[in-house]
Amino acid sequence: MSTYYVDMNITLSVDQRLVERARKAAEAMGKSLNQAIRDYLAYLAGEGEMEAELKELAVLSMEAKGHSRGVRIDRASLHERT
């Protein structure tokens, strides 16, 4: 099974002054306006959160080195409601 991603072009109606200010803001971030908009759409879709969480998980996994340090979790405590 293969997954294919297709880029999509979007047409927006935006005030010219807003575009000019946004372009300057994007330039200050070292990005094109197009890249800034793509980044914001990814943020809205939650992709940024997932990437940050995956990075945090990787760091925590490396720090723990697979040891629970003696902590034991039983099935009943996982399902307790507080």
C-alpha atoms as a PDB file:
ATOM      1  CA  MET A   1       0.000   0.000   0.000  1.00  0.00           C
ATOM      2  CA  SER A   2       1.381   3.416  -0.961  1.00  0.00           C
ATOM      3  CA  THR A   3       0.405   6.880   0.166  1.00  0.00           C
ATOM      4  CA  TYR A   4       0.658   9.743  -2.282  1.00  0.00           C
ATOM      5  CA  TYR A   5       0.567  13.401  -1.291  1.00  0.00           C
ATOM      6  CA  VAL A   6      -0.506  15.993  -3.808  1.00  0.00           C
ATOM      7  CA  ASP A   7       0.176  19.692  -3.382  1.00  0.00           C
ATOM      8  CA  MET A   8      -2.875  21.902  -3.663  1.00  0.00           C
ATOM      9  CA  ASN A   9      -3.036  25.500  -4.791  1.00  0.00           C
ATOM     10  CA  ILE A  10      -5.393  27.754  -2.843  1.00  0.00           C
ATOM     11  CA  THR A  11      -6.755  31.095  -3.987  1.00  0.00           C
ATOM     12  CA  LEU A  12      -7.546  33.614  -1.267  1.00  0.00           C
ATOM     13  CA  SER A  13      -9.159  37.035  -1.297  1.00  0.00           C
ATOM     14  CA  VAL A  14      -7.070  39.208   1.011  1.00  0.00           C
ATOM     15  CA  ASP A  15      -6.684  42.947   1.473  1.00  0.00           C
ATOM     16  CA  GLN A  16      -3.539  44.169  -0.278  1.00  0.00           C
ATOM     17  CA  ARG A  17      -2.316  46.081   2.801  1.00  0.00           C
ATOM     18  CA  LEU A  18      -2.661  42.937   4.891  1.00  0.00           C
ATOM     19  CA  VAL A  19      -0.614  40.958   2.365  1.00  0.00           C
ATOM     20  CA  GLU A  20       2.112  43.604   2.360  1.00  0.00           C
ATOM     21  CA  ARG A  21       2.339  43.620   6.171  1.00  0.00           C
ATOM     22  CA  ALA A  22       2.276  39.807   6.276  1.00  0.00           C
ATOM     23  CA  ARG A  23       5.009  39.611   3.638  1.00  0.00           C
ATOM     24  CA  LYS A  24       7.219  41.917   5.746  1.00  0.00           C
ATOM     25  CA  ALA A  25       6.542  39.824   8.865  1.00  0.00           C
ATOM     26  CA  ALA A  26       7.385  36.604   6.995  1.00  0.00           C
ATOM     27  CA  GLU A  27      10.560  38.197   5.627  1.00  0.00           C
ATOM     28  CA  ALA A  28      11.585  39.130   9.190  1.00  0.00           C
ATOM     29  CA  MET A  29      11.249  35.425  10.057  1.00  0.00           C
ATOM     30  CA  GLY A  30      13.426  34.490   7.083  1.00  0.00           C
ATOM     31  CA  LYS A  31      10.504  32.992   5.175  1.00  0.00           C
ATOM     32  CA  SER A  32       8.488  33.724   2.100  1.00  0.00           C
ATOM     33  CA  LEU A  33       4.839  34.610   2.623  1.00  0.00           C
ATOM     34  CA  ASN A  34       3.969  31.323   0.928  1.00  0.00           C
ATOM     35  CA  GLN A  35       6.096  29.340   3.427  1.00  0.00           C
ATOM     36  CA  ALA A  36       4.666  31.267   6.394  1.00  0.00           C
ATOM     37  CA  ILE A  37       1.131  30.446   5.256  1.00  0.00           C
ATOM     38  CA  ARG A  38       2.031  26.755   4.747  1.00  0.00           C
ATOM     39  CA  ASP A  39       3.572  26.656   8.229  1.00  0.00           C
ATOM     40  CA  TYR A  40       0.470  28.249   9.744  1.00  0.00           C
ATOM     41  CA  LEU A  41      -1.828  25.765   7.994  1.00  0.00           C
ATOM     42  CA  ALA A  42       0.299  22.904   9.344  1.00  0.00           C
ATOM     43  CA  TYR A  43      -0.004  24.449  12.816  1.00  0.00           C
ATOM     44  CA  LEU A  44      -3.794  24.687  12.445  1.00  0.00           C
ATOM     45  CA  ALA A  45      -3.893  21.050  11.385  1.00  0.00           C
ATOM     46  CA  GLY A  46      -1.961  20.079  14.503  1.00  0.00           C
ATOM     47  CA  GLU A  47       1.153  18.895  12.697  1.00  0.00           C
ATOM     48  CA  GLY A  48       3.433  21.120  14.736  1.00  0.00           C
ATOM     49  CA  GLU A  49       2.104  19.675  17.968  1.00  0.00           C
ATOM     50  CA  MET A  50       2.649  16.130  16.823  1.00  0.00           C
ATOM     51  CA  GLU A  51       6.208  16.839  15.724  1.00  0.00           C
ATOM     52  CA  ALA A  52       7.002  18.507  19.055  1.00  0.00           C
ATOM     53  CA  GLU A  53       5.459  15.612  20.978  1.00  0.00           C
ATOM     54  CA  LEU A  54       7.418  13.058  18.941  1.00  0.00           C
ATOM     55  CA  LYS A  55      10.661  14.948  19.582  1.00  0.00           C
ATOM     56  CA  GLU A  56       9.874  15.082  23.309  1.00  0.00           C
ATOM     57  CA  LEU A  57       9.085  11.357  23.322  1.00  0.00           C
ATOM     58  CA  ALA A  58      12.381  10.598  21.596  1.00  0.00           C
ATOM     59  CA  VAL A  59      14.311  12.693  24.130  1.00  0.00           C
ATOM     60  CA  LEU A  60      12.526  11.081  27.078  1.00  0.00           C
ATOM     61  CA  SER A  61      13.094   7.618  25.621  1.00  0.00           C
ATOM     62  CA  MET A  62      16.808   8.275  25.253  1.00  0.00           C
ATOM     63  CA  GLU A  63      17.053   9.646  28.795  1.00  0.00           C
ATOM     64  CA  ALA A  64      15.153   6.724  30.350  1.00  0.00           C
ATOM     65  CA  LYS A  65      17.154   4.115  28.412  1.00  0.00           C
ATOM     66  CA  GLY A  66      14.245   1.699  28.734  1.00  0.00           C
ATOM     67  CA  HIS A  67      14.277   1.490  32.515  1.00  0.00           C
ATOM     68  CA  SER A  68      11.182   2.122  34.624  1.00  0.00           C
ATOM     69  CA  ARG A  69      13.447   2.767  37.611  1.00  0.00           C
ATOM     70  CA  GLY A  70      11.409   0.304  39.675  1.00  0.00           C
ATOM     71  CA  VAL A  71       8.038   1.939  39.044  1.00  0.00           C
ATOM     72  CA  ARG A  72       5.329  -0.657  38.611  1.00  0.00           C
ATOM     73  CA  ILE A  73       1.983   0.103  37.019  1.00  0.00           C
ATOM     74  CA  ASP A  74      -0.828  -2.386  37.226  1.00  0.00           C
ATOM     75  CA  ARG A  75      -3.776  -2.602  34.878  1.00  0.00           C
ATOM     76  CA  ALA A  76      -6.340  -1.551  37.527  1.00  0.00           C
ATOM     77  CA  SER A  77      -4.495   1.674  38.328  1.00  0.00           C
ATOM     78  CA  LEU A  78      -4.391   2.587  34.645  1.00  0.00           C
ATOM     79  CA  HIS A  79      -8.187   2.516  34.521  1.00  0.00           C
ATOM     80  CA  GLU A  80      -8.889   4.300  37.803  1.00  0.00           C
ATOM     81  CA  ARG A  81     -11.023   7.412  37.596  1.00  0.00           C
ATOM     82  CA  THR A  82     -10.029  10.307  39.793  1.00  0.00           C
END
